[in-house]
C-alpha atoms as a PDB file:
ATOM      1  CA  MET A   1      20.083 -26.874  35.680  1.00  0.00           C
ATOM      2  CA  ALA A   2      17.572 -24.206  36.421  1.00  0.00           C
ATOM      3  CA  THR A   3      20.232 -21.406  36.078  1.00  0.00           C
ATOM      4  CA  SER A   4      21.396 -22.619  32.773  1.00  0.00           C
ATOM      5  CA  ALA A   5      17.747 -22.466  31.346  1.00  0.00           C
ATOM      6  CA  SER A   6      17.461 -19.007  32.802  1.00  0.00           C
ATOM      7  CA  HIS A   7      20.565 -18.032  30.907  1.00  0.00           C
ATOM      8  CA  ALA A   8      19.460 -19.412  27.710  1.00  0.00           C
ATOM      9  CA  LEU A   9      16.312 -17.463  27.344  1.00  0.00           C
ATOM     10  CA  PRO A  10      18.008 -14.072  27.580  1.00  0.00           C
ATOM     11  CA  ASP A  11      20.808 -15.268  24.981  1.00  0.00           C
ATOM     12  CA  ARG A  12      17.771 -16.460  22.611  1.00  0.00           C
ATOM     13  CA  TRP A  13      15.996 -13.009  23.090  1.00  0.00           C
ATOM     14  CA  ARG A  14      19.147 -11.176  22.291  1.00  0.00           C
ATOM     15  CA  ALA A  15      19.695 -13.314  19.267  1.00  0.00           C
ATOM     16  CA  LEU A  16      16.242 -12.835  18.105  1.00  0.00           C
ATOM     17  CA  ARG A  17      16.409  -8.712  18.508  1.00  0.00           C
ATOM     18  CA  ARG A  18      19.947  -9.109  16.717  1.00  0.00           C
ATOM     19  CA  PHE A  19      18.345 -11.074  13.922  1.00  0.00           C
ATOM     20  CA  VAL A  20      15.161  -8.501  13.536  1.00  0.00           C
ATOM     21  CA  ARG A  21      17.681  -5.586  13.715  1.00  0.00           C
ATOM     22  CA  GLN A  22      19.645  -7.030  10.659  1.00  0.00           C
ATOM     23  CA  ARG A  23      16.578  -7.620   8.816  1.00  0.00           C
ATOM     24  CA  VAL A  24      15.183  -4.020   9.002  1.00  0.00           C
ATOM     25  CA  ASP A  25      18.882  -2.244   8.575  1.00  0.00           C
ATOM     26  CA  ARG A  26      18.616   0.363   6.004  1.00  0.00           C
ATOM     27  CA  GLU A  27      22.144   0.459   5.045  1.00  0.00           C
ATOM     28  CA  SER A  28      22.734  -3.186   4.302  1.00  0.00           C
ATOM     29  CA  GLU A  29      21.697  -4.973   1.134  1.00  0.00           C
ATOM     30  CA  LEU A  30      20.899  -8.037   3.282  1.00  0.00           C
ATOM     31  CA  GLY A  31      18.736  -5.901   5.658  1.00  0.00           C
ATOM     32  CA  LEU A  32      15.624  -3.889   4.812  1.00  0.00           C
ATOM     33  CA  ARG A  33      15.713  -4.091   0.918  1.00  0.00           C
ATOM     34  CA  LEU A  34      16.235  -7.792   1.042  1.00  0.00           C
ATOM     35  CA  THR A  35      13.249  -8.034   3.613  1.00  0.00           C
ATOM     36  CA  LEU A  36      10.933  -6.019   1.234  1.00  0.00           C
ATOM     37  CA  ASP A  37      12.180  -8.359  -1.753  1.00  0.00           C
ATOM     38  CA  PHE A  38      10.867 -11.394   0.251  1.00  0.00           C
ATOM     39  CA  ILE A  39       7.699  -9.780   1.320  1.00  0.00           C
ATOM     40  CA  LEU A  40       6.977  -8.662  -2.367  1.00  0.00           C
ATOM     41  CA  PHE A  41       7.973 -12.279  -3.566  1.00  0.00           C
ATOM     42  CA  GLY A  42       5.485 -13.784  -1.157  1.00  0.00           C
ATOM     43  CA  ILE A  43       2.618 -11.463  -2.212  1.00  0.00           C
ATOM     44  CA  ALA A  44       3.335 -12.075  -5.830  1.00  0.00           C
ATOM     45  CA  VAL A  45       3.583 -15.876  -5.557  1.00  0.00           C
ATOM     46  CA  TRP A  46       0.337 -15.854  -3.387  1.00  0.00           C
ATOM     47  CA  SER A  47      -1.622 -13.624  -6.182  1.00  0.00           C
ATOM     48  CA  SER A  48      -0.255 -16.057  -8.834  1.00  0.00           C
ATOM     49  CA  ALA A  49      -1.245 -19.200  -7.493  1.00  0.00           C
ATOM     50  CA  GLY A  50      -4.737 -17.639  -6.658  1.00  0.00           C
ATOM     51  CA  LEU A  51      -5.193 -16.673 -10.161  1.00  0.00           C
ATOM     52  CA  ILE A  52      -3.869 -19.989 -11.484  1.00  0.00           C
ATOM     53  CA  GLU A  53      -6.648 -21.838  -9.350  1.00  0.00           C
ATOM     54  CA  GLN A  54      -9.339 -19.455 -10.356  1.00  0.00           C
ATOM     55  CA  VAL A  55      -8.457 -19.711 -14.192  1.00  0.00           C
ATOM     56  CA  LEU A  56      -8.702 -23.516 -13.986  1.00  0.00           C
ATOM     57  CA  ASP A  57     -11.633 -24.036 -11.244  1.00  0.00           C
ATOM     58  CA  ASN A  58     -13.864 -20.838 -11.077  1.00  0.00           C
ATOM     59  CA  GLU A  59     -16.558 -20.434 -13.679  1.00  0.00           C
ATOM     60  CA  ALA A  60     -17.174 -16.843 -12.193  1.00  0.00           C
ATOM     61  CA  LEU A  61     -13.701 -15.452 -13.242  1.00  0.00           C
ATOM     62  CA  VAL A  62     -14.028 -17.166 -16.668  1.00  0.00           C
ATOM     63  CA  ARG A  63     -17.528 -15.438 -17.188  1.00  0.00           C
ATOM     64  CA  TRP A  64     -15.961 -12.216 -16.163  1.00  0.00           C
ATOM     65  CA  ASP A  65     -12.956 -12.311 -18.338  1.00  0.00           C
ATOM     66  CA  VAL A  66     -15.297 -13.276 -21.545  1.00  0.00           C
ATOM     67  CA  ARG A  67     -17.573 -10.309 -20.561  1.00  0.00           C
ATOM     68  CA  VAL A  68     -14.668  -7.839 -20.323  1.00  0.00           C
ATOM     69  CA  ASN A  69     -13.224  -9.214 -23.651  1.00  0.00           C
ATOM     70  CA  LEU A  70     -16.632  -8.918 -25.584  1.00  0.00           C
ATOM     71  CA  TRP A  71     -16.892  -5.383 -24.030  1.00  0.00           C
ATOM     72  CA  MET A  72     -13.601  -4.353 -25.149  1.00  0.00           C
ATOM     73  CA  ARG A  73     -14.113  -5.723 -28.617  1.00  0.00           C
ATOM     74  CA  ALA A  74     -17.469  -3.745 -28.991  1.00  0.00           C
ATOM     75  CA  HIS A  75     -15.658  -0.466 -28.164  1.00  0.00           C
ATOM     76  CA  VAL A  76     -12.201  -0.584 -30.114  1.00  0.00           C
ATOM     77  CA  THR A  77     -11.441   2.038 -32.506  1.00  0.00           C
ATOM     78  CA  THR A  78      -9.317   2.072 -35.337  1.00  0.00           C
ATOM     79  CA  THR A  79      -6.915   4.507 -33.945  1.00  0.00           C
ATOM     80  CA  GLY A  80      -7.055   2.560 -30.607  1.00  0.00           C
ATOM     81  CA  LEU A  81      -5.980  -0.414 -32.597  1.00  0.00           C
ATOM     82  CA  ARG A  82      -3.180   1.332 -34.183  1.00  0.00           C
ATOM     83  CA  VAL A  83      -1.880   2.782 -30.959  1.00  0.00           C
ATOM     84  CA  PHE A  84      -1.925  -0.440 -29.123  1.00  0.00           C
ATOM     85  CA  GLU A  85      -0.284  -2.350 -32.037  1.00  0.00           C
ATOM     86  CA  VAL A  86       2.536  -0.133 -31.517  1.00  0.00           C
ATOM     87  CA  ILE A  87       2.667  -0.441 -27.828  1.00  0.00           C
ATOM     88  CA  THR A  88       2.278  -4.244 -27.958  1.00  0.00           C
ATOM     89  CA  TYR A  89       5.171  -4.531 -30.360  1.00  0.00           C
ATOM     90  CA  ILE A  90       7.313  -2.969 -27.483  1.00  0.00           C
ATOM     91  CA  GLY A  91       6.559  -6.240 -25.569  1.00  0.00           C
ATOM     92  CA  ALA A  92       7.553  -8.348 -28.046  1.00  0.00           C
ATOM     93  CA  PRO A  93       9.769  -8.373 -30.046  1.00  0.00           C
ATOM     94  CA  GLY A  94      10.941  -5.202 -28.668  1.00  0.00           C
ATOM     95  CA  MET A  95      11.817  -6.843 -25.302  1.00  0.00           C
ATOM     96  CA  TRP A  96      14.458  -8.979 -26.925  1.00  0.00           C
ATOM     97  CA  VAL A  97      15.742  -6.047 -28.728  1.00  0.00           C
ATOM     98  CA  VAL A  98      16.122  -4.273 -25.071  1.00  0.00           C
ATOM     99  CA  THR A  99      17.689  -7.502 -23.771  1.00  0.00           C
ATOM    100  CA  THR A 100      20.254  -7.736 -26.468  1.00  0.00           C
ATOM    101  CA  LEU A 101      21.139  -4.115 -26.070  1.00  0.00           C
ATOM    102  CA  VAL A 102      21.560  -4.229 -22.334  1.00  0.00           C
ATOM    103  CA  ALA A 103      23.696  -7.582 -22.305  1.00  0.00           C
ATOM    104  CA  VAL A 104      26.027  -5.802 -24.918  1.00  0.00           C
ATOM    105  CA  TRP A 105      26.075  -2.674 -22.676  1.00  0.00           C
ATOM    106  CA  LEU A 106      26.885  -4.691 -19.636  1.00  0.00           C
ATOM    107  CA  LEU A 107      29.579  -6.583 -21.240  1.00  0.00           C
ATOM    108  CA  TRP A 108      31.212  -3.372 -22.475  1.00  0.00           C
ATOM    109  CA  ARG A 109      31.195  -2.017 -18.913  1.00  0.00           C
ATOM    110  CA  ARG A 110      32.569  -5.427 -17.894  1.00  0.00           C
ATOM    111  CA  GLU A 111      29.898  -6.070 -15.585  1.00  0.00           C
ATOM    112  CA  ARG A 112      30.011  -9.822 -16.208  1.00  0.00           C
ATOM    113  CA  PHE A 113      28.029 -10.953 -12.994  1.00  0.00           C
ATOM    114  CA  LEU A 114      25.229  -8.487 -13.895  1.00  0.00           C
ATOM    115  CA  PHE A 115      25.493  -9.540 -17.629  1.00  0.00           C
ATOM    116  CA  TRP A 116      24.787 -13.333 -16.551  1.00  0.00           C
ATOM    117  CA  ALA A 117      22.295 -12.091 -13.994  1.00  0.00           C
ATOM    118  CA  TRP A 118      20.462 -10.209 -16.803  1.00  0.00           C
ATOM    119  CA  MET A 119      20.529 -13.051 -19.121  1.00  0.00           C
ATOM    120  CA  ALA A 120      19.355 -15.796 -16.676  1.00  0.00           C
ATOM    121  CA  GLY A 121      16.596 -13.578 -15.441  1.00  0.00           C
ATOM    122  CA  ASN A 122      15.317 -12.913 -18.919  1.00  0.00           C
ATOM    123  CA  VAL A 123      15.812 -16.513 -20.431  1.00  0.00           C
ATOM    124  CA  GLY A 124      14.621 -18.062 -17.419  1.00  0.00           C
ATOM    125  CA  GLY A 125      11.492 -16.193 -17.449  1.00  0.00           C
ATOM    126  CA  GLU A 126      10.807 -17.256 -20.828  1.00  0.00           C
ATOM    127  CA  LEU A 127      11.156 -20.639 -19.905  1.00  0.00           C
ATOM    128  CA  LEU A 128       9.017 -20.668 -16.888  1.00  0.00           C
ATOM    129  CA  GLN A 129       6.400 -18.857 -19.081  1.00  0.00           C
ATOM    130  CA  GLY A 130       6.333 -21.707 -21.648  1.00  0.00           C
ATOM    131  CA  LEU A 131       6.043 -24.212 -18.760  1.00  0.00           C
ATOM    132  CA  LEU A 132       3.199 -22.423 -17.224  1.00  0.00           C
ATOM    133  CA  LYS A 133       1.239 -22.184 -20.346  1.00  0.00           C
ATOM    134  CA  SER A 134       1.488 -25.757 -21.127  1.00  0.00           C
ATOM    135  CA  ILE A 135       0.402 -26.532 -17.666  1.00  0.00           C
ATOM    136  CA  VAL A 136      -2.473 -24.226 -17.663  1.00  0.00           C
ATOM    137  CA  HIS A 137      -3.568 -25.046 -21.217  1.00  0.00           C
ATOM    138  CA  ARG A 138      -6.080 -22.171 -21.496  1.00  0.00           C
ATOM    139  CA  ASP A 139      -7.381 -21.268 -25.076  1.00  0.00           C
ATOM    140  CA  ARG A 140      -7.216 -17.667 -26.247  1.00  0.00           C
ATOM    141  CA  PRO A 141     -10.329 -15.399 -26.503  1.00  0.00           C
ATOM    142  CA  GLU A 142     -12.653 -15.778 -29.274  1.00  0.00           C
ATOM    143  CA  TYR A 143     -11.312 -12.905 -31.455  1.00  0.00           C
ATOM    144  CA  ALA A 144      -7.528 -13.513 -30.983  1.00  0.00           C
ATOM    145  CA  ALA A 145      -7.243 -14.909 -34.597  1.00  0.00           C
ATOM    146  CA  LEU A 146      -7.879 -11.512 -36.020  1.00  0.00           C
ATOM    147  CA  TYR A 147      -4.466 -10.144 -34.450  1.00  0.00           C
ATOM    148  CA  TYR A 148      -2.388 -13.184 -33.297  1.00  0.00           C
ATOM    149  CA  ASP A 149      -1.242 -15.699 -35.904  1.00  0.00           C
ATOM    150  CA  GLY A 150       0.701 -18.162 -33.273  1.00  0.00           C
ATOM    151  CA  GLN A 151      -0.283 -21.287 -31.483  1.00  0.00           C
ATOM    152  CA  SER A 152       0.614 -20.543 -27.930  1.00  0.00           C
ATOM    153  CA  TYR A 153      -1.815 -20.671 -24.976  1.00  0.00           C
ATOM    154  CA  SER A 154      -3.393 -17.641 -23.339  1.00  0.00           C
ATOM    155  CA  PHE A 155      -2.281 -18.016 -19.585  1.00  0.00           C
ATOM    156  CA  PRO A 156       0.116 -16.270 -18.434  1.00  0.00           C
ATOM    157  CA  SER A 157       0.126 -13.304 -21.050  1.00  0.00           C
ATOM    158  CA  GLY A 158       3.859 -13.792 -22.561  1.00  0.00           C
ATOM    159  CA  HIS A 159       3.882  -9.885 -23.399  1.00  0.00           C
ATOM    160  CA  ALA A 160       3.077  -9.035 -19.694  1.00  0.00           C
ATOM    161  CA  MET A 161       5.298 -11.580 -18.008  1.00  0.00           C
ATOM    162  CA  SER A 162       8.195 -10.764 -20.457  1.00  0.00           C
ATOM    163  CA  ALA A 163       7.753  -7.116 -19.848  1.00  0.00           C
ATOM    164  CA  THR A 164       7.701  -7.168 -16.407  1.00  0.00           C
ATOM    165  CA  ILE A 165      10.746  -9.243 -15.936  1.00  0.00           C
ATOM    166  CA  CYS A 166      12.593  -7.203 -18.596  1.00  0.00           C
ATOM    167  CA  TRP A 167      12.050  -3.688 -17.431  1.00  0.00           C
ATOM    168  CA  LEU A 168      12.071  -4.585 -13.465  1.00  0.00           C
ATOM    169  CA  LEU A 169      15.354  -6.221 -13.950  1.00  0.00           C
ATOM    170  CA  PHE A 170      16.253  -3.207 -16.244  1.00  0.00           C
ATOM    171  CA  VAL A 171      15.996  -1.061 -13.148  1.00  0.00           C
ATOM    172  CA  VAL A 172      18.134  -3.335 -10.956  1.00  0.00           C
ATOM    173  CA  CYS A 173      20.625  -4.421 -13.358  1.00  0.00           C
ATOM    174  CA  VAL A 174      21.535  -0.919 -15.230  1.00  0.00           C
ATOM    175  CA  GLY A 175      20.698   0.864 -11.892  1.00  0.00           C
ATOM    176  CA  ARG A 176      23.317  -1.032  -9.841  1.00  0.00           C
ATOM    177  CA  SER A 177      25.714  -0.551 -12.801  1.00  0.00           C
ATOM    178  CA  ARG A 178      24.947   3.188 -12.977  1.00  0.00           C
ATOM    179  CA  GLY A 179      24.706   3.635  -9.149  1.00  0.00           C
ATOM    180  CA  TRP A 180      20.923   4.850  -9.324  1.00  0.00           C
ATOM    181  CA  HIS A 181      19.558   5.441  -5.976  1.00  0.00           C
ATOM    182  CA  GLY A 182      16.800   7.265  -4.101  1.00  0.00           C
ATOM    183  CA  ALA A 183      14.387   9.285  -6.075  1.00  0.00           C
ATOM    184  CA  ARG A 184      16.271   8.521  -9.318  1.00  0.00           C
ATOM    185  CA  ARG A 185      15.536   4.614  -8.894  1.00  0.00           C
ATOM    186  CA  VAL A 186      11.921   5.400  -7.827  1.00  0.00           C
ATOM    187  CA  ARG A 187      11.259   7.427 -10.979  1.00  0.00           C
ATOM    188  CA  PHE A 188      12.701   4.493 -13.056  1.00  0.00           C
ATOM    189  CA  HIS A 189      10.571   2.019 -11.114  1.00  0.00           C
ATOM    190  CA  VAL A 190       7.467   4.213 -11.779  1.00  0.00           C
ATOM    191  CA  ALA A 191       8.376   4.393 -15.684  1.00  0.00           C
ATOM    192  CA  ALA A 192       8.818   0.610 -15.740  1.00  0.00           C
ATOM    193  CA  ALA A 193       5.531   0.040 -14.068  1.00  0.00           C
ATOM    194  CA  THR A 194       3.564   2.178 -16.401  1.00  0.00           C
ATOM    195  CA  LEU A 195       5.103   0.834 -19.563  1.00  0.00           C
ATOM    196  CA  ILE A 196       4.266  -2.899 -18.155  1.00  0.00           C
ATOM    197  CA  PHE A 197       0.577  -1.999 -17.438  1.00  0.00           C
ATOM    198  CA  ALA A 198       0.403  -0.220 -20.882  1.00  0.00           C
ATOM    199  CA  ILE A 199       1.790  -3.517 -22.748  1.00  0.00           C
ATOM    200  CA  GLY A 200      -0.524  -5.550 -20.507  1.00  0.00           C
ATOM    201  CA  PHE A 201      -3.612  -3.604 -21.536  1.00  0.00           C
ATOM    202  CA  SER A 202      -2.679  -3.617 -25.049  1.00  0.00           C
ATOM    203  CA  ARG A 203      -3.097  -7.355 -25.000  1.00  0.00           C
ATOM    204  CA  ILE A 204      -6.773  -7.080 -23.556  1.00  0.00           C
ATOM    205  CA  TYR A 205      -7.529  -4.176 -26.193  1.00  0.00           C
ATOM    206  CA  LEU A 206      -6.336  -6.295 -29.068  1.00  0.00           C
ATOM    207  CA  GLY A 207      -8.368  -9.162 -27.983  1.00  0.00           C
ATOM    208  CA  VAL A 208      -5.431 -11.689 -27.738  1.00  0.00           C
ATOM    209  CA  HIS A 209      -5.559 -12.062 -23.803  1.00  0.00           C
ATOM    210  CA  TYR A 210      -8.296 -12.257 -20.912  1.00  0.00           C
ATOM    211  CA  PRO A 211      -7.635  -9.970 -18.173  1.00  0.00           C
ATOM    212  CA  SER A 212      -6.804 -12.559 -15.954  1.00  0.00           C
ATOM    213  CA  ASP A 213      -4.012 -13.652 -18.408  1.00  0.00           C
ATOM    214  CA  VAL A 214      -2.257 -10.159 -18.234  1.00  0.00           C
ATOM    215  CA  LEU A 215      -2.762 -10.131 -14.292  1.00  0.00           C
ATOM    216  CA  GLY A 216      -1.053 -13.321 -14.058  1.00  0.00           C
ATOM    217  CA  GLY A 217       1.716 -12.568 -16.480  1.00  0.00           C
ATOM    218  CA  ILE A 218       2.319  -9.331 -14.348  1.00  0.00           C
ATOM    219  CA  ALA A 219       2.188 -11.305 -10.791  1.00  0.00           C
ATOM    220  CA  ILE A 220       4.268 -14.168 -12.076  1.00  0.00           C
ATOM    221  CA  GLY A 221       6.812 -11.939 -13.761  1.00  0.00           C
ATOM    222  CA  THR A 222       7.074  -9.821 -10.733  1.00  0.00           C
ATOM    223  CA  ALA A 223       7.700 -12.910  -8.549  1.00  0.00           C
ATOM    224  CA  TRP A 224      10.454 -14.092 -10.904  1.00  0.00           C
ATOM    225  CA  ALA A 225      12.192 -10.588 -11.190  1.00  0.00           C
ATOM    226  CA  VAL A 226      12.001 -10.058  -7.352  1.00  0.00           C
ATOM    227  CA  LEU A 227      13.591 -13.599  -6.892  1.00  0.00           C
ATOM    228  CA  CYS A 228      16.445 -12.542  -9.244  1.00  0.00           C
ATOM    229  CA  THR A 229      16.989  -9.341  -7.640  1.00  0.00           C
ATOM    230  CA  ALA A 230      17.218 -10.990  -4.220  1.00  0.00           C
ATOM    231  CA  ALA A 231      19.812 -13.300  -5.546  1.00  0.00           C
ATOM    232  CA  ILE A 232      21.764 -10.385  -7.041  1.00  0.00           C
ATOM    233  CA  ARG A 233      21.707  -8.754  -3.664  1.00  0.00           C
ATOM    234  CA  ILE A 234      22.880 -11.677  -1.913  1.00  0.00           C
ATOM    235  CA  VAL A 235      25.716 -12.480  -4.237  1.00  0.00           C
ATOM    236  CA  GLN A 236      26.940  -8.924  -4.516  1.00  0.00           C
ATOM    237  CA  SER A 237      26.738  -8.417  -0.998  1.00  0.00           C
ATOM    238  CA  GLY A 238      28.831 -11.687  -0.340  1.00  0.00           C
ATOM    239  CA  LYS A 239      31.314 -10.417  -2.951  1.00  0.00           C
ATOM    240  CA  ALA A 240      31.666  -7.046  -1.281  1.00  0.00           C
ATOM    241  CA  ALA A 241      32.088  -8.651   2.133  1.00  0.00           C
ATOM    242  CA  ARG A 242      34.938 -10.954   0.975  1.00  0.00           C
ATOM    243  CA  GLU A 243      36.483  -7.810  -0.824  1.00  0.00           C
ATOM    244  CA  ARG A 244      36.473  -5.728   2.493  1.00  0.00           C
ATOM    245  CA  ALA A 245      38.064  -8.792   4.314  1.00  0.00           C
ATOM    246  CA  GLY A 246      40.824  -9.050   1.745  1.00  0.00           C
ATOM    247  CA  ILE A 247      41.537  -5.351   2.174  1.00  0.00           C
ATOM    248  CA  ARG A 248      41.743  -5.551   5.997  1.00  0.00           C
ATOM    249  CA  ALA A 249      43.923  -8.757   5.787  1.00  0.00           C
END
């Protein structure tokens, strides 16, 4: 009995070491890349949950949001408004133009799985956004009516969330189709992040969202985009493994 237990411990240790090595394998889609995806997903979800709790319960955050909104309103310029009206337009409806064009391009390249992943990611993000807006039920800032004609709620920022999902998934889906790797993929991620923050800031500058709305939109959008990316990795890795097995057979 004691001998059996003494053998079980080394076996478990070897299994744990094998599991850890697989999770940090730089060459495998299910290795380090997937591990980093889940770490980023956890951070984004934690940040999103914290912001939602603060928006609902924390008077200090609400007062800070109002102060920033009023300060921004006092310092806007005519030129700034024109510039950020263009930038905010890129967020919506520009995002749906990009979604449509990329969907058509993926179908043209016969990337059916990436097409469905792209569409599910963007459409699913819109549904999630609507659900969260109805749950949090936050009114828009005082001066929002000057630049916004709609009736939707303020948290999370739809432009920031949609832009985050769209441009992060753009790098993933288009990058996989085109074979982007290394420095090229990093450059596109930096460009996507820059555009996302510019769109988010435009919503604050125009006075249609509080800063926490934008931060929430980016955090939630990141969590959703990373979850979609992880799903793409897992499915494509499984398909590749089955194809290799078929070739060997």
